[in-house]
Protein backbone atom coordinates (compact mmCIF):
# COMPACT_ATOMS: atom_id res chain seq x y z
CA MET A 1 -64.58 -82.36 -3.96
CA ILE A 2 -64.51 -78.76 -2.94
CA ARG A 3 -60.92 -78.68 -2.01
CA GLU A 4 -59.70 -80.25 -5.36
CA ARG A 5 -61.41 -77.67 -7.11
CA LEU A 6 -59.22 -75.09 -5.14
CA ASN A 7 -56.01 -76.86 -5.91
CA ILE A 8 -54.09 -75.32 -8.93
CA GLU A 9 -52.57 -78.02 -10.76
CA ASN A 10 -50.46 -75.96 -13.04
CA PRO A 11 -49.57 -72.70 -11.22
CA GLN A 12 -46.92 -71.66 -13.92
CA GLU A 13 -49.34 -71.56 -16.46
CA ILE A 14 -51.72 -69.35 -14.52
CA LEU A 15 -48.77 -67.17 -13.52
CA ASP A 16 -48.10 -66.74 -17.29
CA GLN A 17 -51.70 -65.47 -17.89
CA ILE A 18 -51.70 -62.99 -14.85
CA GLU A 19 -48.33 -61.70 -16.11
CA ASP A 20 -49.82 -61.31 -19.80
CA PHE A 21 -52.83 -59.61 -18.30
CA ILE A 22 -50.68 -57.00 -16.80
CA LYS A 23 -48.60 -56.88 -19.77
CA ARG A 24 -51.81 -56.00 -21.83
CA SER A 25 -53.26 -53.83 -19.65
CA VAL A 26 -49.90 -51.44 -19.46
CA SER A 27 -50.26 -51.23 -23.21
CA ARG A 28 -54.23 -50.87 -23.30
CA TYR A 29 -54.12 -47.96 -20.81
CA HIS A 30 -51.04 -46.54 -22.44
CA LYS A 31 -48.86 -46.73 -19.34
CA ASP A 32 -45.06 -46.40 -19.03
CA GLY A 33 -45.08 -49.24 -16.45
CA CYS A 34 -46.83 -50.23 -13.07
CA ILE A 35 -47.02 -48.82 -9.44
CA LEU A 36 -48.37 -50.70 -6.41
CA GLY A 37 -48.39 -50.47 -2.58
CA ILE A 38 -45.92 -52.79 -1.09
CA SER A 39 -47.01 -53.74 2.52
CA GLY A 40 -44.88 -56.63 3.28
CA GLY A 41 -47.75 -58.98 2.99
CA LEU A 42 -48.04 -62.01 0.64
CA ASP A 43 -50.69 -60.58 -1.94
CA SER A 44 -48.55 -57.39 -2.77
CA ALA A 45 -45.45 -59.61 -2.61
CA LEU A 46 -46.79 -61.70 -5.44
CA THR A 47 -48.41 -58.81 -7.68
CA ALA A 48 -44.85 -57.41 -7.47
CA TYR A 49 -43.08 -60.73 -8.43
CA ILE A 50 -45.61 -61.10 -11.40
CA ALA A 51 -45.32 -57.18 -12.29
CA VAL A 52 -41.30 -57.26 -12.68
CA ARG A 53 -41.98 -60.38 -14.81
CA ALA A 54 -44.28 -58.57 -17.11
CA VAL A 55 -42.86 -55.28 -17.40
CA GLY A 56 -39.17 -55.50 -16.00
CA LYS A 57 -37.90 -54.26 -12.74
CA GLU A 58 -37.11 -50.67 -14.03
CA ASN A 59 -40.67 -50.26 -14.98
CA VAL A 60 -42.16 -51.15 -11.73
CA MET A 61 -42.56 -48.72 -8.99
CA GLY A 62 -43.53 -49.84 -5.31
CA LEU A 63 -44.48 -47.58 -2.60
CA PHE A 64 -44.12 -48.56 1.35
CA MET A 65 -46.27 -46.31 3.18
CA PRO A 66 -45.65 -46.81 7.13
CA GLU A 67 -47.42 -44.88 9.92
CA ARG A 68 -47.37 -44.70 13.70
CA ASP A 69 -49.01 -48.31 13.94
CA THR A 70 -46.94 -50.16 11.23
CA SER A 71 -44.95 -53.15 12.73
CA LYS A 72 -41.19 -53.54 12.57
CA ALA A 73 -41.54 -56.87 10.96
CA THR A 74 -43.58 -55.01 7.87
CA TYR A 75 -40.50 -52.70 7.30
CA ALA A 76 -38.21 -55.71 7.28
CA ASP A 77 -40.25 -57.66 4.84
CA ALA A 78 -41.10 -54.74 2.54
CA ARG A 79 -37.36 -53.75 2.43
CA MET A 80 -36.43 -57.55 1.52
CA LEU A 81 -39.09 -57.58 -0.97
CA ALA A 82 -37.50 -54.55 -3.00
CA LYS A 83 -34.00 -55.91 -2.57
CA ILE A 84 -34.77 -59.14 -4.13
CA LEU A 85 -36.86 -57.93 -6.95
CA GLY A 86 -34.30 -55.16 -7.74
CA ILE A 87 -36.77 -51.94 -7.50
CA PRO A 88 -36.48 -48.91 -5.54
CA PHE A 89 -37.56 -48.83 -1.91
CA ASN A 90 -39.57 -45.60 -2.15
CA GLU A 91 -40.61 -45.02 1.49
CA ILE A 92 -43.38 -42.31 2.39
CA ASN A 93 -44.16 -41.91 6.19
CA ILE A 94 -47.82 -41.18 6.07
CA LYS A 95 -47.85 -40.51 9.84
CA PRO A 96 -48.03 -36.56 9.58
CA VAL A 97 -51.20 -36.81 7.21
CA VAL A 98 -52.92 -38.99 9.42
CA ARG A 99 -52.05 -37.02 12.29
CA LYS A 100 -53.12 -33.91 10.91
CA MET A 101 -56.56 -35.35 9.90
CA GLY A 102 -57.11 -36.10 13.28
CA VAL A 103 -57.18 -39.90 12.89
CA TYR A 104 -54.87 -40.62 15.82
CA SER A 105 -57.27 -38.62 18.11
CA LEU A 106 -59.96 -41.49 17.48
CA GLN A 107 -58.28 -43.92 19.86
CA PRO A 108 -56.26 -43.50 23.16
CA PRO A 109 -52.85 -41.68 23.00
CA ALA A 110 -49.84 -44.69 22.24
CA PHE A 111 -47.21 -42.81 23.16
CA TYR A 112 -44.55 -44.62 25.22
CA VAL A 113 -46.73 -47.57 25.36
CA PRO A 114 -45.37 -50.63 24.80
CA ARG A 115 -46.29 -52.59 21.64
CA GLY A 116 -47.65 -55.79 23.72
CA LEU A 117 -49.88 -53.70 25.52
CA GLN A 118 -50.92 -51.94 22.61
CA GLU A 119 -51.81 -55.31 21.10
CA LYS A 120 -53.77 -56.25 24.07
CA TYR A 121 -55.91 -53.01 23.94
CA VAL A 122 -56.83 -53.71 20.31
CA TYR A 123 -57.63 -57.43 20.89
CA ASN A 124 -59.72 -56.39 23.86
CA LYS A 125 -61.49 -53.50 21.96
CA ASN A 126 -62.26 -55.87 18.91
CA LYS A 127 -64.03 -58.21 21.46
CA LYS A 128 -65.87 -55.50 23.04
CA HIS A 129 -67.50 -54.48 19.80
CA SER A 130 -68.52 -57.93 19.39
CA LYS A 131 -72.01 -59.11 19.87
CA GLU A 132 -73.44 -62.68 19.87
CA ASN A 133 -73.40 -64.40 16.39
CA GLU A 134 -72.25 -60.76 14.99
CA PRO A 135 -68.14 -60.18 15.16
CA THR A 136 -66.89 -56.41 14.93
CA PHE A 137 -66.10 -57.09 11.18
CA LEU A 138 -69.82 -58.04 10.48
CA ARG A 139 -70.98 -55.19 12.20
CA MET A 140 -68.74 -52.95 10.46
CA LEU A 141 -70.17 -53.87 7.14
CA LYS A 142 -73.25 -52.83 8.65
CA GLY A 143 -71.86 -49.27 8.97
CA GLY A 144 -71.01 -49.43 12.74
CA ASP A 145 -74.58 -51.00 13.49
CA GLY A 146 -75.02 -47.66 15.01
CA ASP A 147 -72.41 -47.61 17.52
CA PRO A 148 -70.40 -44.39 17.60
CA GLU A 149 -67.40 -45.86 18.86
CA LEU A 150 -67.40 -48.57 16.26
CA GLN A 151 -67.84 -45.95 13.57
CA LYS A 152 -64.72 -44.28 15.32
CA HIS A 153 -62.88 -47.43 14.80
CA MET A 154 -63.70 -47.91 11.30
CA ALA A 155 -62.58 -44.28 10.49
CA TYR A 156 -59.46 -44.67 12.10
CA LEU A 157 -58.65 -48.01 10.10
CA ASN A 158 -60.08 -47.12 6.60
CA THR A 159 -58.72 -43.52 6.66
CA LYS A 160 -54.97 -44.83 6.57
CA GLN A 161 -55.96 -46.96 3.47
CA ARG A 162 -57.56 -44.15 1.28
CA ILE A 163 -54.67 -42.06 2.05
CA ARG A 164 -51.83 -44.44 0.92
CA MET A 165 -54.07 -44.83 -2.33
CA THR A 166 -54.22 -40.84 -2.86
CA TYR A 167 -50.42 -41.56 -2.59
CA ILE A 168 -50.19 -44.26 -5.42
CA TYR A 169 -52.35 -42.34 -7.91
CA TYR A 170 -50.24 -39.32 -7.13
CA TYR A 171 -47.07 -41.00 -8.03
CA ALA A 172 -48.91 -42.98 -10.89
CA GLU A 173 -49.91 -39.64 -12.81
CA LEU A 174 -46.60 -38.23 -12.32
CA ASN A 175 -45.00 -41.23 -13.92
CA ASN A 176 -47.62 -42.39 -16.31
CA LEU A 177 -47.69 -45.76 -14.27
CA LEU A 178 -50.62 -48.33 -14.27
CA VAL A 179 -52.04 -48.85 -10.66
CA LEU A 180 -52.02 -52.48 -9.45
CA GLY A 181 -54.28 -53.51 -6.82
CA ASN A 182 -53.70 -56.55 -4.49
CA LEU A 183 -57.09 -57.95 -3.56
CA ASN A 184 -57.52 -61.54 -3.51
CA LYS A 185 -61.27 -63.55 -3.99
CA SER A 186 -61.70 -64.21 -0.35
CA GLU A 187 -61.47 -60.56 0.69
CA TYR A 188 -63.43 -59.48 -2.09
CA MET A 189 -66.26 -61.67 -1.84
CA THR A 190 -66.52 -60.89 1.95
CA GLY A 191 -65.92 -57.21 1.92
CA PHE A 192 -62.59 -57.41 3.61
CA TYR A 193 -61.22 -54.21 2.08
CA VAL A 194 -61.60 -50.67 2.37
CA LYS A 195 -63.87 -49.11 -0.75
CA TYR A 196 -61.76 -46.43 -2.36
CA GLY A 197 -58.95 -47.50 -0.47
CA ASP A 198 -57.12 -50.77 -1.32
CA SER A 199 -59.76 -51.64 -3.78
CA ALA A 200 -59.04 -48.70 -5.87
CA SER A 201 -56.66 -49.39 -8.71
CA ASP A 202 -56.76 -49.75 -12.53
CA ILE A 203 -56.72 -53.18 -12.40
CA GLN A 204 -56.62 -56.30 -9.68
CA PRO A 205 -54.86 -59.31 -11.19
CA LEU A 206 -55.53 -61.27 -8.09
CA ILE A 207 -59.42 -61.16 -7.63
CA PRO A 208 -60.06 -64.59 -9.44
CA PHE A 209 -57.98 -66.30 -6.66
CA TYR A 210 -58.83 -67.50 -3.21
CA LYS A 211 -56.12 -66.72 -0.48
CA THR A 212 -55.46 -70.40 -0.25
CA GLN A 213 -54.64 -70.40 -3.85
CA ILE A 214 -52.76 -67.19 -3.54
CA ILE A 215 -50.21 -69.21 -1.44
CA GLN A 216 -50.03 -71.86 -3.91
CA LEU A 217 -49.16 -69.56 -6.67
CA SER A 218 -46.53 -67.64 -4.14
CA LYS A 219 -44.84 -70.82 -3.73
CA SER A 220 -44.55 -71.51 -7.40
CA MET A 221 -43.17 -67.94 -8.00
CA MET A 222 -40.71 -68.54 -5.19
CA VAL A 223 -41.74 -65.76 -2.92
CA PRO A 224 -39.73 -65.94 0.31
CA ASP A 225 -41.28 -68.24 3.00
CA SER A 226 -40.81 -65.73 5.76
CA ILE A 227 -43.61 -64.04 3.75
CA ILE A 228 -45.84 -66.93 2.62
CA ASN A 229 -45.41 -68.26 6.39
CA LYS A 230 -46.65 -65.45 8.35
CA SER A 231 -50.00 -64.57 9.52
CA PRO A 232 -51.62 -62.09 7.06
CA ALA A 233 -52.59 -59.04 8.86
CA PRO A 234 -53.75 -55.48 7.62
CA ASP A 235 -51.35 -53.66 10.01
CA LEU A 236 -53.60 -50.87 10.56
CA MET A 237 -53.68 -51.38 14.33
CA PRO A 238 -51.09 -53.26 16.34
CA GLY A 239 -52.15 -57.16 16.83
CA MET A 240 -55.05 -58.61 15.07
CA ASN A 241 -54.36 -60.64 12.02
CA ASP A 242 -56.71 -61.26 9.13
CA GLU A 243 -58.52 -64.31 10.54
CA GLU A 244 -58.95 -63.06 13.91
CA ILE A 245 -60.83 -59.98 12.31
CA LEU A 246 -62.79 -62.23 10.10
CA ASN A 247 -63.49 -64.61 12.63
CA ILE A 248 -62.82 -67.60 10.63
CA SER A 249 -59.69 -69.29 8.90
CA TYR A 250 -58.84 -68.59 5.26
CA ASP A 251 -58.62 -72.47 4.93
CA SER A 252 -62.23 -72.85 5.97
CA LEU A 253 -63.52 -69.54 4.47
CA ASP A 254 -62.34 -70.52 0.93
CA VAL A 255 -63.88 -74.11 1.30
CA ILE A 256 -67.18 -72.30 1.91
CA LEU A 257 -66.68 -69.58 -0.73
CA ALA A 258 -65.58 -72.13 -3.48
CA GLY A 259 -68.62 -74.48 -2.25
CA LEU A 260 -71.08 -71.64 -2.56
CA ASP A 261 -69.68 -70.87 -6.13
CA MET A 262 -70.17 -74.54 -7.39
CA GLY A 263 -73.53 -74.67 -5.71
CA VAL A 264 -72.71 -77.49 -3.21
CA ASP A 265 -75.14 -78.10 -0.20
CA ASP A 266 -74.33 -76.56 3.63
CA GLU A 267 -74.04 -79.99 4.91
CA THR A 268 -71.31 -80.90 2.53
CA MET A 269 -69.64 -77.42 2.77
CA ALA A 270 -69.38 -77.80 6.33
CA SER A 271 -68.02 -80.79 6.42
CA GLU A 272 -65.28 -80.06 4.32
CA ALA A 273 -64.29 -76.98 5.96
CA GLY A 274 -64.45 -78.66 9.45
CA VAL A 275 -67.13 -76.13 10.63
CA ASP A 276 -70.51 -76.29 11.54
CA LYS A 277 -73.58 -74.70 9.55
CA SER A 278 -73.46 -71.52 11.67
CA ASN A 279 -70.25 -70.64 9.74
CA ILE A 280 -71.91 -71.23 6.44
CA ALA A 281 -74.80 -68.82 7.50
CA TYR A 282 -72.26 -66.24 8.67
CA VAL A 283 -70.35 -66.47 5.39
CA LYS A 284 -73.32 -65.84 3.42
CA ARG A 285 -74.26 -62.96 5.56
CA LEU A 286 -70.81 -61.32 4.80
CA ILE A 287 -71.50 -61.74 1.26
CA GLU A 288 -74.68 -60.21 1.43
CA LEU A 289 -73.58 -57.21 3.63
CA SER A 290 -70.66 -56.50 1.33
CA GLU A 291 -72.31 -56.75 -1.85
CA VAL A 292 -72.66 -52.63 -1.74
CA LEU A 293 -69.01 -52.59 -1.84
CA ARG A 294 -68.52 -54.42 -5.08
CA ARG A 295 -70.76 -51.77 -7.13
CA ASP A 296 -68.56 -49.26 -8.48
CA ILE A 297 -71.18 -46.60 -8.57
CA ASP A 298 -74.92 -46.45 -7.52
CA SER A 299 -77.26 -44.01 -9.17
CA PRO A 300 -80.98 -43.31 -9.54
CA ASN A 301 -82.68 -45.18 -12.44
CA ILE A 302 -84.37 -41.90 -14.03
CA ASP A 303 -85.20 -41.81 -17.77
CA LEU A 304 -85.01 -38.29 -18.89
CA VAL A 305 -85.49 -38.90 -22.75
CA ASN A 306 -89.08 -40.32 -22.48
């Protein structure tokens, strides 16, 4: 029942609607084109494909912003995407800014340490920060849960995303371009993004769609299989893909999120998602804790007129 709702029957029709939304937004914001961060991942790839179709490749700017921890595979996929779409490969290495801010000093030095050992360290660190029934990611949504080491971890990750978005807006304003975000609904509803980092944008074309639906749309758009099939990862530290961080697969997560949206009972959701009810409770907790991220601005309710 839920999986049927997740299936997109006419992906080309949906893609046309997203394309039209981008085109209308460029006009409404009085912009000359679009700009987005190219990460080598699926979401930004799909957004870039649709943007090129909406306003033409000559009016789309993609920024690739690697740093010390960026994997070689990310470089390759980002370059391939730019070449296929015919857009310039604009590379800005943010490592000097990240280092200048002292971000790298928040974690042990990585000089001359093989990538494999770095990935093992990150995996063990994530495991160390996890508590019973509270994975590291959930504790991060609680502001680090009073753990100074976890707060350092958050600052290490999140600052990189905010630096990248600063560069995107800098070039957007220099060239009068609309900033496109790449968030999907699975990330948005669980808080799997950085406020004022990858959530900052003029529009978010993919937010109506769960990650599994992004895959469906990407296949219809003919995004390269190498990008569609690779494990999604934030690439902010060596190793650790999305599903390891979220502590649940996107396949199960999307069934639960869609089930909650449909008002389906927990037992049915657990059965369709292939999980037990504790996973349903976990996802509900993620939604609850991340609610503050989905508010643009909080302000006091003060009436000075009366």
